[in-house]
């Protein structure tokens, strides 16, 4: 679980996650869940706490789930779903060059040690997304730039992705500036952006915590190589991986490369250019 408070940016090795889920938490800010399945990252973070909807994405891929505590409901869901829970202090450290609580980090070596120490078995039955060197092309031309207003018109929560034709990748901006990765100093990029539209926020509970409904089906905008597909998403059960389909109901075939899944409530604005 990556922190995305303004004091947590730039994060370390967010760029190297194969898939990143981003959505709202309390305080009108977002948080990331990064999925790592390759490579060696000496520093990953800052790490923050779990929320229940993130646990539903983690359960669907049988992931080892690294976080720093969580809301009472999230911690209950981790037990209920029997998620591989990486929460022990020996798998993290604090970098006191950064302000607490935005200074907790881990690494791929420590996460691998957590898997070994707990004798967790690598999952073999997880539903796989499809990738190809020559994926299907979007039919809509407005897949060049994407703006996601996670909190009204507040600049701090505005996420923008801009397409770079010569690299066929999207550059990320937040709060009007380039969003960089601390590990390299380079701007974060993605091969594919998915704007997954979910129902409006169900409720705001204690401490402003949100209830988001990520089960069911809804509209999904799948954007890569400068084009947009207006399709759908589907996740019927907690244990199901979210799947994405085109206008004809066919499963999306993605280009090879990292994916950012931007999960945004229906009553928040998303625009395409």
Protein backbone atom coordinates (compact mmCIF):
# COMPACT_ATOMS: atom_id res chain seq x y z
CA UNK A 1 0.00 0.00 0.00
CA UNK A 2 1.60 3.25 -1.20
CA UNK A 3 1.00 6.55 0.56
CA UNK A 4 -0.05 9.40 -1.76
CA UNK A 5 -0.20 12.29 0.67
CA UNK A 6 1.61 15.32 -0.72
CA UNK A 7 4.36 14.75 1.89
CA UNK A 8 4.82 11.18 0.60
CA UNK A 9 5.67 12.18 -2.95
CA UNK A 10 7.82 11.24 -4.75
CA UNK A 11 7.28 7.56 -3.94
CA UNK A 12 10.01 4.96 -4.44
CA UNK A 13 9.54 2.34 -7.17
CA UNK A 14 5.87 2.97 -7.84
CA UNK A 15 7.00 2.97 -11.46
CA UNK A 16 8.16 -0.64 -11.21
CA UNK A 17 4.81 -2.10 -10.13
CA UNK A 18 3.26 -4.16 -12.93
CA UNK A 19 -0.24 -2.99 -11.98
CA UNK A 20 -1.24 -0.05 -9.77
CA UNK A 21 -4.72 0.51 -8.37
CA UNK A 22 -5.46 4.10 -7.32
CA UNK A 23 -8.59 5.29 -5.55
CA UNK A 24 -9.85 7.57 -2.81
CA UNK A 25 -9.32 7.32 0.93
CA UNK A 26 -10.41 9.79 3.58
CA UNK A 27 -9.34 13.41 3.32
CA UNK A 28 -10.06 13.57 -0.44
CA UNK A 29 -6.67 12.08 -1.25
CA UNK A 30 -5.84 8.85 -3.04
CA UNK A 31 -3.79 5.79 -2.16
CA UNK A 32 -2.08 3.23 -4.37
CA UNK A 33 -1.85 -0.55 -4.26
CA UNK A 34 1.13 -1.67 -6.32
CA UNK A 35 1.41 -5.24 -7.59
CA UNK A 36 4.99 -6.47 -8.00
CA UNK A 37 5.76 -9.73 -9.79
CA UNK A 38 9.30 -9.19 -11.05
CA UNK A 39 12.54 -7.29 -10.51
CA UNK A 40 14.50 -6.17 -7.46
CA UNK A 41 13.50 -2.97 -5.70
CA UNK A 42 15.79 -1.78 -2.91
CA UNK A 43 13.17 0.60 -1.55
CA UNK A 44 9.37 0.55 -1.90
CA UNK A 45 7.17 3.15 -0.28
CA UNK A 46 6.20 5.07 1.70
CA UNK A 47 3.83 2.38 2.98
CA UNK A 48 0.47 3.28 4.51
CA UNK A 49 -2.53 1.52 5.94
CA UNK A 50 -5.11 -0.82 4.42
CA UNK A 51 -8.68 -0.02 3.45
CA UNK A 52 -11.35 -2.71 2.89
CA UNK A 53 -11.77 -2.23 -0.86
CA UNK A 54 -8.02 -2.64 -1.43
CA UNK A 55 -8.19 -5.98 0.41
CA UNK A 56 -10.75 -7.15 -2.17
CA UNK A 57 -8.26 -6.52 -4.97
CA UNK A 58 -5.48 -8.23 -3.01
CA UNK A 59 -7.63 -11.29 -2.27
CA UNK A 60 -8.50 -11.73 -5.95
CA UNK A 61 -4.85 -12.36 -6.86
CA UNK A 62 -3.91 -14.23 -3.64
CA UNK A 63 -1.27 -11.58 -2.98
CA UNK A 64 1.06 -11.13 -0.05
CA UNK A 65 -0.37 -7.81 1.14
CA UNK A 66 2.09 -5.33 2.69
CA UNK A 67 0.61 -2.45 4.66
CA UNK A 68 0.98 -0.43 7.86
CA UNK A 69 -2.08 -1.25 9.92
CA UNK A 70 -5.47 -0.31 8.59
CA UNK A 71 -9.02 0.72 9.36
CA UNK A 72 -10.88 -1.66 11.70
CA UNK A 73 -12.99 -2.93 8.77
CA UNK A 74 -9.92 -3.50 6.60
CA UNK A 75 -8.16 -5.50 9.32
CA UNK A 76 -11.33 -7.58 9.81
CA UNK A 77 -11.51 -8.24 6.05
CA UNK A 78 -7.88 -9.35 5.98
CA UNK A 79 -8.73 -12.01 8.57
CA UNK A 80 -12.02 -12.94 6.88
CA UNK A 81 -10.44 -13.37 3.44
CA UNK A 82 -7.38 -15.09 4.95
CA UNK A 83 -5.08 -12.73 3.10
CA UNK A 84 -1.33 -13.28 3.31
CA UNK A 85 -0.72 -10.42 5.72
CA UNK A 86 2.67 -8.66 5.69
CA UNK A 87 2.46 -6.33 8.66
CA UNK A 88 5.29 -7.38 11.00
CA UNK A 89 7.87 -4.71 11.76
CA UNK A 90 10.87 -6.77 10.68
CA UNK A 91 9.75 -6.48 7.05
CA UNK A 92 9.83 -2.67 7.10
CA UNK A 93 12.05 0.23 8.16
CA UNK A 94 11.62 3.94 8.73
CA UNK A 95 13.63 6.52 6.86
CA UNK A 96 13.94 9.43 9.30
CA UNK A 97 14.97 11.78 6.51
CA UNK A 98 11.21 11.89 5.82
CA UNK A 99 8.45 13.15 8.08
CA UNK A 100 6.43 10.51 9.96
CA UNK A 101 4.07 8.81 9.16
CA UNK A 102 5.18 9.17 5.54
CA UNK A 103 8.49 7.36 6.06
CA UNK A 104 7.82 3.60 6.26
CA UNK A 105 9.49 1.52 3.54
CA UNK A 106 10.05 -2.07 2.51
CA UNK A 107 11.98 -3.79 -0.31
CA UNK A 108 11.52 -6.72 -2.68
CA UNK A 109 14.06 -8.67 -0.61
CA UNK A 110 12.08 -8.15 2.61
CA UNK A 111 8.79 -9.03 0.91
CA UNK A 112 10.33 -12.21 -0.47
CA UNK A 113 11.58 -13.03 3.03
CA UNK A 114 8.04 -12.59 4.37
CA UNK A 115 6.79 -15.14 1.82
CA UNK A 116 9.56 -17.59 2.72
CA UNK A 117 9.21 -17.15 6.50
CA UNK A 118 5.46 -17.78 6.31
CA UNK A 119 5.87 -20.68 3.83
CA UNK A 120 3.30 -19.10 1.53
CA UNK A 121 2.75 -20.92 -1.75
CA UNK A 122 2.80 -19.04 -5.05
CA UNK A 123 -0.80 -18.88 -6.39
CA UNK A 124 -1.56 -20.99 -9.44
CA UNK A 125 -5.26 -20.33 -10.07
CA UNK A 126 -5.38 -16.53 -10.44
CA UNK A 127 -7.30 -15.27 -13.47
CA UNK A 128 -4.86 -13.73 -15.94
CA UNK A 129 -5.32 -10.65 -18.07
CA UNK A 130 -4.39 -11.06 -21.74
CA UNK A 131 -1.39 -9.28 -23.27
CA UNK A 132 -0.03 -9.17 -26.81
CA UNK A 133 2.58 -7.32 -28.82
CA UNK A 134 -0.16 -6.28 -31.27
CA UNK A 135 -3.22 -5.61 -29.07
CA UNK A 136 -6.63 -4.53 -30.30
CA UNK A 137 -6.85 -0.82 -31.07
CA UNK A 138 -9.25 1.57 -29.47
CA UNK A 139 -11.91 3.09 -31.69
CA UNK A 140 -12.19 6.49 -29.98
CA UNK A 141 -9.63 9.17 -30.79
CA UNK A 142 -9.80 11.02 -27.46
CA UNK A 143 -7.29 8.73 -25.72
CA UNK A 144 -4.43 11.21 -25.75
CA UNK A 145 -4.81 12.96 -22.40
CA UNK A 146 -6.91 11.98 -19.38
CA UNK A 147 -7.94 14.14 -16.41
CA UNK A 148 -9.31 12.56 -13.22
CA UNK A 149 -10.84 14.88 -10.65
CA UNK A 150 -10.71 12.83 -7.46
CA UNK A 151 -11.93 15.76 -5.34
CA UNK A 152 -13.93 18.29 -7.29
CA UNK A 153 -11.76 21.04 -8.72
CA UNK A 154 -9.08 20.82 -6.03
CA UNK A 155 -5.72 21.00 -7.81
CA UNK A 156 -4.01 18.72 -5.30
CA UNK A 157 -6.20 15.76 -6.22
CA UNK A 158 -6.18 16.33 -9.99
CA UNK A 159 -4.45 13.48 -11.82
CA UNK A 160 -3.52 13.99 -15.46
CA UNK A 161 -2.00 11.55 -17.93
CA UNK A 162 -0.48 12.86 -21.18
CA UNK A 163 0.32 10.65 -24.16
CA UNK A 164 3.79 10.69 -25.72
CA UNK A 165 3.48 9.26 -29.25
CA UNK A 166 7.16 8.43 -29.78
CA UNK A 167 7.26 6.20 -26.67
CA UNK A 168 3.60 5.11 -26.80
CA UNK A 169 3.43 5.76 -23.07
CA UNK A 170 1.54 8.15 -20.78
CA UNK A 171 3.25 10.61 -18.42
CA UNK A 172 1.67 11.20 -15.01
CA UNK A 173 1.04 14.60 -13.46
CA UNK A 174 -0.48 15.32 -10.05
CA UNK A 175 -1.39 18.70 -8.58
CA UNK A 176 -0.25 20.30 -11.82
CA UNK A 177 3.35 19.03 -11.71
CA UNK A 178 5.20 16.01 -13.04
CA UNK A 179 4.81 13.04 -10.67
CA UNK A 180 8.29 11.58 -10.29
CA UNK A 181 9.62 8.33 -8.87
CA UNK A 182 12.15 8.79 -6.06
CA UNK A 183 14.16 5.75 -7.14
CA UNK A 184 15.12 7.29 -10.49
CA UNK A 185 14.03 10.93 -10.45
CA UNK A 186 12.19 10.25 -13.71
CA UNK A 187 8.53 11.04 -14.33
CA UNK A 188 6.15 8.13 -13.75
CA UNK A 189 4.77 6.66 -16.97
CA UNK A 190 2.30 3.92 -17.87
CA UNK A 191 1.61 1.86 -20.96
CA UNK A 192 -2.13 1.55 -20.26
CA UNK A 193 -4.56 3.65 -18.22
CA UNK A 194 -7.92 2.26 -17.13
CA UNK A 195 -10.53 4.64 -15.74
CA UNK A 196 -12.83 2.24 -13.87
CA UNK A 197 -16.05 4.04 -12.97
CA UNK A 198 -17.73 2.73 -9.80
CA UNK A 199 -20.98 3.79 -8.08
CA UNK A 200 -20.93 7.00 -6.02
CA UNK A 201 -19.41 6.77 -2.54
CA UNK A 202 -21.85 4.79 -0.42
CA UNK A 203 -21.12 6.42 2.92
CA UNK A 204 -18.58 8.28 4.97
CA UNK A 205 -18.03 6.67 8.37
CA UNK A 206 -15.88 7.29 11.43
CA UNK A 207 -12.80 9.44 10.79
CA UNK A 208 -14.12 10.18 7.29
CA UNK A 209 -13.50 6.63 6.07
CA UNK A 210 -15.20 5.75 2.82
CA UNK A 211 -17.30 2.83 1.68
CA UNK A 212 -16.63 2.11 -1.99
CA UNK A 213 -18.46 -0.56 -3.97
CA UNK A 214 -16.02 -2.28 -6.34
CA UNK A 215 -18.20 -5.37 -6.89
CA UNK A 216 -20.62 -5.75 -9.79
CA UNK A 217 -20.14 -4.20 -13.20
CA UNK A 218 -19.85 -0.77 -14.74
CA UNK A 219 -18.21 1.46 -17.32
CA UNK A 220 -14.48 1.24 -17.96
CA UNK A 221 -12.42 3.46 -20.23
CA UNK A 222 -9.35 1.55 -21.45
CA UNK A 223 -6.72 3.82 -22.92
CA UNK A 224 -3.48 2.93 -24.68
CA UNK A 225 -1.49 4.05 -27.73
CA UNK A 226 -3.49 7.27 -27.95
CA UNK A 227 -6.88 5.60 -28.38
CA UNK A 228 -9.78 4.86 -26.02
CA UNK A 229 -12.08 1.87 -25.70
CA UNK A 230 -15.34 2.56 -23.88
CA UNK A 231 -16.01 -0.84 -22.36
CA UNK A 232 -17.05 -2.43 -19.10
CA UNK A 233 -15.56 -3.93 -15.96
CA UNK A 234 -16.84 -6.93 -14.01
CA UNK A 235 -16.05 -8.31 -10.54
CA UNK A 236 -18.89 -10.39 -9.12
CA UNK A 237 -17.19 -11.88 -6.05
CA UNK A 238 -14.47 -10.65 -3.73
CA UNK A 239 -12.32 -13.56 -4.91
CA UNK A 240 -12.83 -12.63 -8.60
CA UNK A 241 -10.25 -10.56 -10.38
CA UNK A 242 -11.68 -7.46 -12.05
CA UNK A 243 -11.95 -8.21 -15.77
CA UNK A 244 -12.29 -5.66 -18.56
CA UNK A 245 -14.25 -5.98 -21.82
CA UNK A 246 -14.65 -3.95 -25.00
CA UNK A 247 -17.84 -2.61 -26.60
CA UNK A 248 -18.62 -6.06 -28.03
CA UNK A 249 -18.18 -7.86 -24.74
CA UNK A 250 -14.82 -9.36 -25.70
CA UNK A 251 -12.08 -9.47 -23.08
CA UNK A 252 -9.52 -6.70 -23.53
CA UNK A 253 -6.11 -7.69 -24.86
CA UNK A 254 -3.58 -5.22 -23.41
CA UNK A 255 -0.25 -4.11 -24.81
CA UNK A 256 2.69 -5.36 -22.79
CA UNK A 257 3.68 -2.91 -20.07
CA UNK A 258 2.56 -1.46 -16.76
CA UNK A 259 -1.08 -0.58 -16.08
CA UNK A 260 -2.59 2.08 -13.83
CA UNK A 261 -6.20 1.34 -12.85
CA UNK A 262 -7.82 4.62 -11.80
CA UNK A 263 -10.91 3.71 -9.79
CA UNK A 264 -13.16 6.76 -9.60
CA UNK A 265 -16.76 7.19 -8.38
CA UNK A 266 -19.44 8.04 -10.92
CA UNK A 267 -20.06 11.48 -9.40
CA UNK A 268 -16.42 12.54 -9.93
CA UNK A 269 -15.35 14.02 -13.23
CA UNK A 270 -13.23 12.22 -15.82
CA UNK A 271 -12.40 13.96 -19.10
CA UNK A 272 -10.58 12.84 -22.23
CA UNK A 273 -8.75 14.90 -24.85
